[in-house]
Protein backbone atom coordinates (compact mmCIF):
# COMPACT_ATOMS: atom_id res chain seq x y z
CA MET A 1 -95.22 158.17 143.14
CA THR A 2 -91.99 156.61 141.85
CA ARG A 3 -88.89 158.36 140.55
CA SER A 4 -87.41 157.46 137.19
CA GLY A 5 -84.33 155.60 138.41
CA GLN A 6 -86.50 152.58 139.18
CA ALA A 7 -88.61 152.58 136.04
CA PRO A 8 -88.37 152.23 132.25
CA ASP A 9 -86.96 155.25 130.45
CA ILE A 10 -88.98 156.84 127.62
CA LEU A 11 -85.74 158.21 126.16
CA SER A 12 -84.04 154.81 125.97
CA PRO A 13 -83.34 152.78 122.80
CA ASP A 14 -85.58 150.00 124.15
CA PHE A 15 -88.48 152.42 124.37
CA ALA A 16 -87.87 153.69 120.84
CA ARG A 17 -87.96 150.11 119.54
CA ASP A 18 -91.17 149.15 121.36
CA PRO A 19 -92.89 151.85 123.43
CA TYR A 20 -95.98 149.72 123.98
CA ALA A 21 -94.18 147.25 126.27
CA THR A 22 -92.90 150.16 128.32
CA TYR A 23 -96.34 151.73 128.49
CA ARG A 24 -97.71 148.50 129.96
CA VAL A 25 -95.10 148.56 132.75
CA LEU A 26 -95.76 152.23 133.44
CA ARG A 27 -99.53 151.74 133.65
CA ASP A 28 -99.26 148.72 135.94
CA ASP A 29 -96.39 149.77 138.21
CA TYR A 30 -95.66 153.50 137.79
CA PRO A 31 -98.91 155.33 136.95
CA LEU A 32 -97.35 158.58 138.18
CA LEU A 33 -93.64 158.85 137.55
CA TRP A 34 -91.14 161.69 137.83
CA HIS A 35 -88.89 161.35 134.78
CA GLU A 36 -85.52 163.08 135.10
CA GLY A 37 -84.66 162.99 131.41
CA THR A 38 -87.66 165.09 130.35
CA GLY A 39 -88.05 166.96 133.62
CA SER A 40 -91.70 165.97 133.74
CA TYR A 41 -94.28 163.80 135.48
CA LEU A 42 -95.48 160.90 133.32
CA LEU A 43 -99.13 159.87 133.30
CA SER A 44 -99.96 156.63 131.52
CA ARG A 45 -103.42 155.36 132.50
CA HIS A 46 -106.49 156.30 130.46
CA GLN A 47 -108.42 157.92 133.31
CA ASP A 48 -105.43 160.04 134.32
CA VAL A 49 -104.41 161.08 130.81
CA GLN A 50 -108.06 161.94 130.13
CA ARG A 51 -108.01 164.28 133.12
CA ALA A 52 -104.77 165.89 131.96
CA VAL A 53 -106.15 166.75 128.51
CA ARG A 54 -109.64 167.71 129.67
CA GLU A 55 -109.54 169.49 133.04
CA PRO A 56 -108.80 173.25 133.00
CA VAL A 57 -106.37 172.93 135.92
CA PHE A 58 -103.96 171.34 133.44
CA SER A 59 -103.01 174.41 131.41
CA SER A 60 -101.26 174.44 128.05
CA ASP A 61 -98.61 176.92 129.20
CA ASN A 62 -96.01 174.34 128.17
CA TYR A 63 -96.48 175.52 124.58
CA ILE A 64 -94.81 178.80 125.55
CA TRP A 65 -91.48 176.94 125.31
CA GLN A 66 -92.53 173.92 123.28
CA ALA A 67 -94.22 175.62 120.31
CA GLU A 68 -94.21 179.42 120.51
CA PRO A 69 -90.49 179.80 119.60
CA VAL A 70 -91.11 178.17 116.20
CA HIS A 71 -94.77 178.92 115.46
CA GLY A 72 -95.49 182.07 117.41
CA ARG A 73 -98.39 182.37 119.82
CA THR A 74 -101.19 180.01 118.73
CA ILE A 75 -104.52 178.74 120.02
CA LEU A 76 -102.65 175.82 121.58
CA GLN A 77 -101.56 177.99 124.50
CA MET A 78 -104.52 180.36 124.72
CA SER A 79 -107.21 180.14 127.37
CA GLY A 80 -110.41 181.88 128.39
CA ARG A 81 -112.04 184.36 126.03
CA GLU A 82 -108.88 184.70 123.92
CA HIS A 83 -109.01 181.00 123.13
CA VAL A 84 -112.76 181.02 122.47
CA VAL A 85 -112.50 183.94 120.04
CA HIS A 86 -109.49 182.60 118.14
CA ARG A 87 -110.98 179.14 117.89
CA ALA A 88 -114.19 180.68 116.54
CA LEU A 89 -112.13 182.50 113.91
CA VAL A 90 -110.60 179.34 112.46
CA VAL A 91 -112.96 176.41 113.20
CA PRO A 92 -115.66 177.21 110.59
CA ALA A 93 -113.19 176.59 107.76
CA PHE A 94 -112.67 172.99 108.87
CA ARG A 95 -116.18 171.64 109.13
CA GLY A 96 -119.65 171.66 107.61
CA ASN A 97 -120.27 173.27 104.25
CA SER A 98 -116.82 174.83 104.05
CA LEU A 99 -115.07 171.49 104.35
CA ARG A 100 -117.51 169.69 102.06
CA ASP A 101 -117.95 172.28 99.32
CA ARG A 102 -114.68 174.20 99.31
CA PHE A 103 -112.07 171.62 100.23
CA MET A 104 -113.34 168.12 99.44
CA PRO A 105 -112.82 168.57 95.67
CA MET A 106 -109.31 169.81 96.44
CA ILE A 107 -108.62 166.80 98.65
CA GLU A 108 -109.87 164.40 95.98
CA ARG A 109 -107.83 166.08 93.24
CA ASN A 110 -104.59 165.98 95.23
CA ALA A 111 -105.07 162.33 96.13
CA ARG A 112 -105.77 161.39 92.52
CA GLU A 113 -102.74 163.28 91.19
CA LEU A 114 -100.44 161.37 93.52
CA VAL A 115 -101.99 157.95 92.88
CA ASP A 116 -101.96 158.49 89.11
CA GLY A 117 -98.22 159.00 89.39
CA PHE A 118 -97.56 155.38 90.37
CA ARG A 119 -100.69 153.26 89.69
CA GLN A 120 -99.27 152.02 86.37
CA THR A 121 -95.97 150.85 87.89
CA GLY A 122 -97.20 147.86 89.92
CA SER A 123 -95.23 148.90 93.01
CA ALA A 124 -94.92 151.90 95.30
CA ASP A 125 -93.98 153.03 98.76
CA LEU A 126 -97.27 154.22 100.27
CA VAL A 127 -95.42 156.48 102.72
CA HIS A 128 -92.84 158.03 100.38
CA ASP A 129 -95.03 158.17 97.27
CA PHE A 130 -98.34 159.11 98.87
CA ALA A 131 -98.74 159.74 102.60
CA THR A 132 -95.77 162.09 102.98
CA HIS A 133 -96.95 164.37 100.16
CA PHE A 134 -100.73 164.19 100.35
CA PRO A 135 -101.62 166.23 103.48
CA VAL A 136 -98.95 168.86 102.79
CA ASN A 137 -100.19 169.31 99.22
CA VAL A 138 -103.76 169.66 100.48
CA ILE A 139 -102.89 172.25 103.14
CA VAL A 140 -100.70 174.25 100.78
CA GLU A 141 -103.48 174.36 98.16
CA MET A 142 -106.09 175.20 100.79
CA LEU A 143 -103.97 178.19 101.79
CA GLY A 144 -103.54 179.22 98.18
CA LEU A 145 -99.77 178.75 98.24
CA ASP A 146 -97.46 177.30 95.60
CA LYS A 147 -97.38 173.47 95.64
CA ARG A 148 -94.10 173.60 93.73
CA GLU A 149 -92.58 174.67 97.06
CA HIS A 150 -93.56 171.31 98.59
CA ASP A 151 -90.01 170.38 99.58
CA ARG A 152 -89.58 173.64 101.50
CA PHE A 153 -92.90 173.22 103.32
CA HIS A 154 -92.08 169.62 104.18
CA ALA A 155 -88.64 170.59 105.49
CA TRP A 156 -90.15 173.34 107.64
CA TYR A 157 -92.81 171.17 109.22
CA SER A 158 -90.37 168.32 109.83
CA THR A 159 -88.08 170.76 111.64
CA PHE A 160 -90.99 172.11 113.72
CA VAL A 161 -92.04 168.58 114.70
CA ALA A 162 -88.45 167.81 115.72
CA PHE A 163 -88.42 170.97 117.87
CA ALA A 164 -91.60 169.94 119.71
CA ALA A 165 -90.29 166.39 120.10
CA ASN A 166 -86.90 167.52 121.42
CA LEU A 167 -87.38 165.84 124.79
CA SER A 168 -83.63 165.70 125.46
CA ARG A 169 -83.24 169.44 124.66
CA ASP A 170 -80.65 168.99 121.90
CA PRO A 171 -79.37 172.54 121.13
CA GLU A 172 -78.86 171.80 117.43
CA VAL A 173 -82.48 170.70 117.04
CA ALA A 174 -83.61 173.84 118.84
CA ALA A 175 -81.45 176.09 116.66
CA ALA A 176 -82.77 174.46 113.48
CA GLY A 177 -86.32 175.12 114.63
CA LEU A 178 -85.62 178.82 115.19
CA ARG A 179 -84.04 179.12 111.74
CA ALA A 180 -87.08 177.47 110.16
CA HIS A 181 -89.34 179.91 112.04
CA ASP A 182 -87.52 182.86 110.51
CA GLU A 183 -87.57 181.33 107.02
CA LEU A 184 -91.31 180.58 107.10
CA ALA A 185 -92.11 184.02 108.50
CA ALA A 186 -90.08 185.70 105.75
CA TYR A 187 -92.00 183.64 103.18
CA LEU A 188 -95.53 183.98 104.60
CA ILE A 189 -95.84 187.50 106.03
CA PRO A 190 -95.57 189.23 102.62
CA ILE A 191 -98.16 186.83 101.19
CA ILE A 192 -100.51 187.50 104.11
CA GLN A 193 -100.17 191.24 103.55
CA GLU A 194 -100.89 190.78 99.85
CA ARG A 195 -104.02 188.68 100.61
CA ARG A 196 -105.32 191.37 102.94
CA ALA A 197 -105.05 193.87 100.12
CA HIS A 198 -106.33 191.49 97.43
CA PRO A 199 -108.27 188.60 99.05
CA GLY A 200 -109.09 185.48 97.06
CA ASP A 201 -111.21 182.41 97.78
CA ASP A 202 -108.44 180.51 99.57
CA LEU A 203 -108.16 179.67 103.27
CA LEU A 204 -105.40 182.20 103.86
CA SER A 205 -107.66 185.00 102.64
CA THR A 206 -110.49 183.65 104.80
CA LEU A 207 -108.25 183.75 107.88
CA CYS A 208 -107.17 187.30 107.05
CA GLU A 209 -110.78 188.46 106.79
CA ALA A 210 -112.35 186.40 109.60
CA GLU A 211 -113.87 188.48 112.40
CA VAL A 212 -115.56 187.56 115.69
CA ASP A 213 -116.90 190.21 118.08
CA GLY A 214 -114.82 192.86 116.34
CA THR A 215 -111.61 190.83 116.61
CA ARG A 216 -109.45 189.89 113.65
CA MET A 217 -106.18 188.01 113.63
CA THR A 218 -103.00 190.00 113.13
CA ASP A 219 -100.50 189.11 110.41
CA GLU A 220 -98.39 187.34 113.03
CA GLU A 221 -101.38 185.37 114.33
CA VAL A 222 -102.38 184.28 110.82
CA LYS A 223 -98.80 183.22 110.15
CA ALA A 224 -98.65 181.32 113.44
CA PHE A 225 -101.87 179.43 112.70
CA CYS A 226 -100.67 178.52 109.19
CA SER A 227 -97.39 177.28 110.65
CA LEU A 228 -99.26 175.17 113.19
CA LEU A 229 -101.69 173.86 110.57
CA LEU A 230 -98.87 172.84 108.26
CA THR A 231 -97.07 171.02 111.06
CA ALA A 232 -99.95 169.35 112.88
CA GLY A 233 -101.97 168.64 109.75
CA GLY A 234 -99.03 167.33 107.78
CA GLU A 235 -97.30 165.14 110.35
CA THR A 236 -100.34 163.53 111.94
CA THR A 237 -102.27 162.79 108.74
CA ASP A 238 -99.14 161.46 107.06
CA LYS A 239 -98.61 159.00 109.90
CA ALA A 240 -102.31 158.16 110.22
CA ILE A 241 -102.48 157.07 106.56
CA GLY A 242 -99.26 155.08 106.76
CA GLY A 243 -100.24 153.55 110.08
CA MET A 244 -103.71 152.54 108.96
CA PHE A 245 -102.47 150.77 105.83
CA ARG A 246 -99.66 149.10 107.77
CA ASN A 247 -102.15 147.83 110.36
CA LEU A 248 -104.47 146.50 107.66
CA LEU A 249 -101.76 144.96 105.46
CA ALA A 250 -100.48 143.09 108.52
CA ARG A 251 -103.95 141.55 108.94
CA PRO A 252 -105.17 140.27 105.55
CA GLU A 253 -108.62 139.24 106.78
CA GLN A 254 -109.37 142.71 108.14
CA PHE A 255 -107.87 144.32 105.04
CA ALA A 256 -110.15 142.21 102.85
CA ALA A 257 -113.15 143.22 104.97
CA VAL A 258 -112.32 146.93 104.60
CA ARG A 259 -111.75 146.58 100.86
CA ALA A 260 -115.13 144.88 100.50
CA ASP A 261 -117.00 147.28 102.78
CA ARG A 262 -115.69 150.83 102.56
CA ASP A 263 -118.00 151.88 105.38
CA LEU A 264 -115.38 150.24 107.62
CA ILE A 265 -112.72 152.84 106.69
CA PRO A 266 -113.76 155.30 109.44
CA MET A 267 -113.51 152.47 111.97
CA ALA A 268 -110.14 151.37 110.58
CA LEU A 269 -108.90 154.94 111.06
CA ALA A 270 -110.41 155.24 114.54
CA GLU A 271 -108.81 151.95 115.57
CA THR A 272 -105.48 153.11 114.12
CA LEU A 273 -105.71 156.31 116.15
CA ARG A 274 -106.20 154.14 119.23
CA PHE A 275 -103.77 151.33 118.42
CA THR A 276 -100.88 153.21 116.77
CA PRO A 277 -101.57 156.95 117.16
CA PRO A 278 -99.41 159.42 115.21
CA VAL A 279 -98.82 161.52 118.35
CA HIS A 280 -97.74 159.50 121.38
CA MET A 281 -97.58 162.21 124.02
CA ILE A 282 -98.52 165.78 124.79
CA MET A 283 -97.54 168.02 127.67
CA ARG A 284 -99.49 170.09 130.15
CA THR A 285 -98.70 172.37 133.13
CA PRO A 286 -101.02 172.34 136.16
CA THR A 287 -101.87 175.75 137.61
CA GLU A 288 -102.25 174.30 141.11
CA ASP A 289 -101.25 171.14 142.97
CA VAL A 290 -103.17 168.16 141.55
CA ALA A 291 -103.82 164.87 143.34
CA ILE A 292 -103.78 162.16 140.70
CA ALA A 293 -102.73 158.53 140.19
CA GLY A 294 -101.91 158.06 143.87
CA GLY A 295 -99.67 161.10 144.19
CA THR A 296 -99.53 164.86 143.81
CA ILE A 297 -98.19 166.89 140.90
CA PRO A 298 -97.01 170.33 142.07
CA ALA A 299 -98.32 173.49 140.43
CA GLY A 300 -96.09 174.73 137.60
CA SER A 301 -94.65 171.29 136.86
CA VAL A 302 -94.52 169.79 133.38
CA VAL A 303 -96.78 166.78 132.81
CA THR A 304 -96.21 164.36 129.93
CA ALA A 305 -99.54 162.73 129.14
CA LEU A 306 -98.84 159.47 127.31
CA LEU A 307 -101.73 159.34 124.83
CA ALA A 308 -100.56 156.12 123.20
CA SER A 309 -100.36 154.40 126.58
CA ALA A 310 -103.85 155.54 127.55
CA ASN A 311 -105.18 154.14 124.27
CA ARG A 312 -103.76 150.69 125.19
CA ASP A 313 -105.09 150.65 128.76
CA ASP A 314 -106.91 147.40 129.54
CA ARG A 315 -108.85 149.28 132.21
CA ARG A 316 -110.62 151.04 129.34
CA PHE A 317 -110.36 148.80 126.25
CA ALA A 318 -110.81 145.04 125.90
CA ASP A 319 -107.79 143.22 124.49
CA PRO A 320 -106.10 146.59 123.88
CA ASP A 321 -102.96 145.20 122.20
CA THR A 322 -105.04 143.76 119.36
CA PHE A 323 -105.95 145.80 116.28
CA ASP A 324 -109.60 145.09 115.52
CA VAL A 325 -111.81 147.08 113.13
CA PHE A 326 -114.80 145.25 114.62
CA ARG A 327 -114.19 146.14 118.26
CA THR A 328 -117.29 147.27 120.14
CA ASP A 329 -115.69 149.53 122.76
CA LEU A 330 -114.60 152.18 120.25
CA SER A 331 -117.13 154.24 118.31
CA ALA A 332 -116.36 155.45 114.80
CA THR A 333 -119.33 157.81 115.12
CA THR A 334 -117.70 159.86 117.88
CA ALA A 335 -114.03 159.12 117.06
CA PHE A 336 -113.51 162.48 115.34
CA SER A 337 -115.28 164.61 117.93
CA ALA A 338 -114.59 165.79 121.47
CA ALA A 339 -116.57 162.73 122.65
CA ALA A 340 -114.01 160.28 121.22
CA ASP A 341 -113.19 157.11 123.15
CA HIS A 342 -109.51 157.31 122.16
CA LEU A 343 -107.44 160.31 123.26
CA SER A 344 -105.37 160.86 120.12
CA PHE A 345 -107.02 164.21 119.28
CA ALA A 346 -106.97 165.25 122.96
CA LEU A 347 -110.28 166.33 124.53
CA GLY A 348 -112.00 169.37 125.92
CA ARG A 349 -111.26 172.94 124.88
CA HIS A 350 -108.10 171.96 123.00
CA PHE A 351 -109.65 169.13 120.98
CA CYS A 352 -107.92 169.07 117.58
CA VAL A 353 -109.34 171.72 115.24
CA GLY A 354 -108.40 169.67 112.19
CA ALA A 355 -109.90 166.31 113.22
CA LEU A 356 -112.59 166.36 110.54
CA LEU A 357 -110.12 167.50 107.89
CA ALA A 358 -107.83 164.60 108.82
CA ARG A 359 -110.75 162.18 108.62
CA ALA A 360 -111.74 163.52 105.18
CA GLU A 361 -108.19 163.22 103.86
CA VAL A 362 -107.69 159.68 105.12
CA GLU A 363 -111.07 158.45 103.88
CA VAL A 364 -110.64 160.00 100.44
CA GLY A 365 -107.07 158.77 100.14
CA ALA A 366 -107.88 155.26 101.33
CA ASN A 367 -110.82 154.85 98.97
CA LEU A 368 -108.81 156.05 96.01
CA LEU A 369 -105.87 153.78 96.82
CA LEU A 370 -108.15 150.77 97.18
CA ASP A 371 -109.90 151.57 93.89
CA ALA A 372 -106.71 152.21 91.93
CA LEU A 373 -104.46 149.44 93.29
CA PRO A 374 -106.02 145.97 92.80
CA GLU A 375 -104.46 143.06 94.68
CA LEU A 376 -102.59 145.46 96.95
CA GLU A 377 -100.23 143.58 99.26
CA PRO A 378 -96.91 144.08 101.09
CA ARG A 379 -93.88 143.83 98.84
CA ASP A 380 -91.74 142.19 101.54
CA VAL A 381 -92.37 139.41 104.02
CA GLU A 382 -91.85 141.75 106.99
CA LEU A 383 -93.47 145.16 107.11
CA PRO A 384 -91.17 148.06 108.09
CA PRO A 385 -91.42 148.95 111.78
CA GLU A 386 -92.81 152.12 113.25
CA GLN A 387 -90.28 154.80 114.10
CA GLY A 388 -90.32 157.79 116.43
CA VAL A 389 -90.92 158.66 120.07
CA PHE A 390 -92.96 161.87 120.29
CA THR A 391 -94.65 161.18 116.96
CA ARG A 392 -94.52 157.69 115.50
CA GLY A 393 -95.36 155.83 112.33
CA PRO A 394 -93.87 153.72 109.54
CA ALA A 395 -91.07 155.51 107.66
CA ALA A 396 -91.73 153.32 104.60
CA LEU A 397 -94.44 150.96 103.37
CA PRO A 398 -93.42 149.23 100.11
CA VAL A 399 -96.29 147.47 98.34
CA ARG A 400 -97.09 145.78 95.05
CA PHE A 401 -100.33 145.61 93.11
CA THR A 402 -101.82 145.02 89.68
CA PRO A 403 -100.99 148.01 87.45
CA THR A 404 -103.97 150.09 86.28
CA ALA A 405 -104.38 152.98 83.89
CA PRO A 406 -105.41 156.42 85.20
């Protein structure tokens, strides 16, 4: 194991500009690295990151300080029967008939409303005008909340993401997260209490009434899950949409192939999740000493599992620094399940609850954008770069196209 003074720094400006070059160095030369700046052990190779997100010895106790202060106690940090029961309470709403019959029309309507707002103009910013709003609008409507409050919801989830990504422990970022927690709680708890008394057909009412083995979620637990859903569902889907279109627009031949054959959209999304994932790293805490990557991580330590590095590991993927919707070592069939080849949704017991919702949103949004915006192409010669460290994606994506009527 190597200490961080001899290795690239994941908090440096160079890393922020191009993390993928740093990941390559870490995988090749420092597969297990103690990093002083984050107070954690870095894992960067696919096989090691896969262990960290799958094996029970790597607990999610890190969320006690990384997420609980702003969300409350959520399924992220639960284990054993508590985790099984709470996951069973929420998972049915995000798959099967519930997703198809209850929420797909809602997803399609929200996508169309946004696209109709700019399709006649001939130009747009796909991040600012579409991706940033779309998943938040969907989640807010799913919960039966007021979409006119979009700016407040977006501000809250952005603050929560910044709190989780606060690797340097900036006190101002932490304080802003705690304020946002109090504001969201003051907004949601009265609504939750009202839905318990007068349930509707929205997701919030479903969560209030859900019961498994005699267990129901408390008001605080419902609020915590909604807070987590807003944050994780908004940030990751936003960046997945922006990232997928950026990857395709940078490669006209692949973009043309996807436009001509929409069955390639799931693969384009799966490859985006591998090549430029919205979430670059997650943390874990081993409950006992773990021998891994040529060294030992002590029990109780913080582990930073570099998902984005694992997804570019040439020990697992051929030509990993190339975006290719036709690659054969990544399956679109399993890409949104716990059997995924990429690690962007994690694996095992904490595999992302909303993976199928994210897939549905991206596929619906992509199809509608491709239908409504003929001759879609980048507005500028150079596409805007990705931004971010903990989460990452394009902050803007200006495009032009042939105007069409709604």
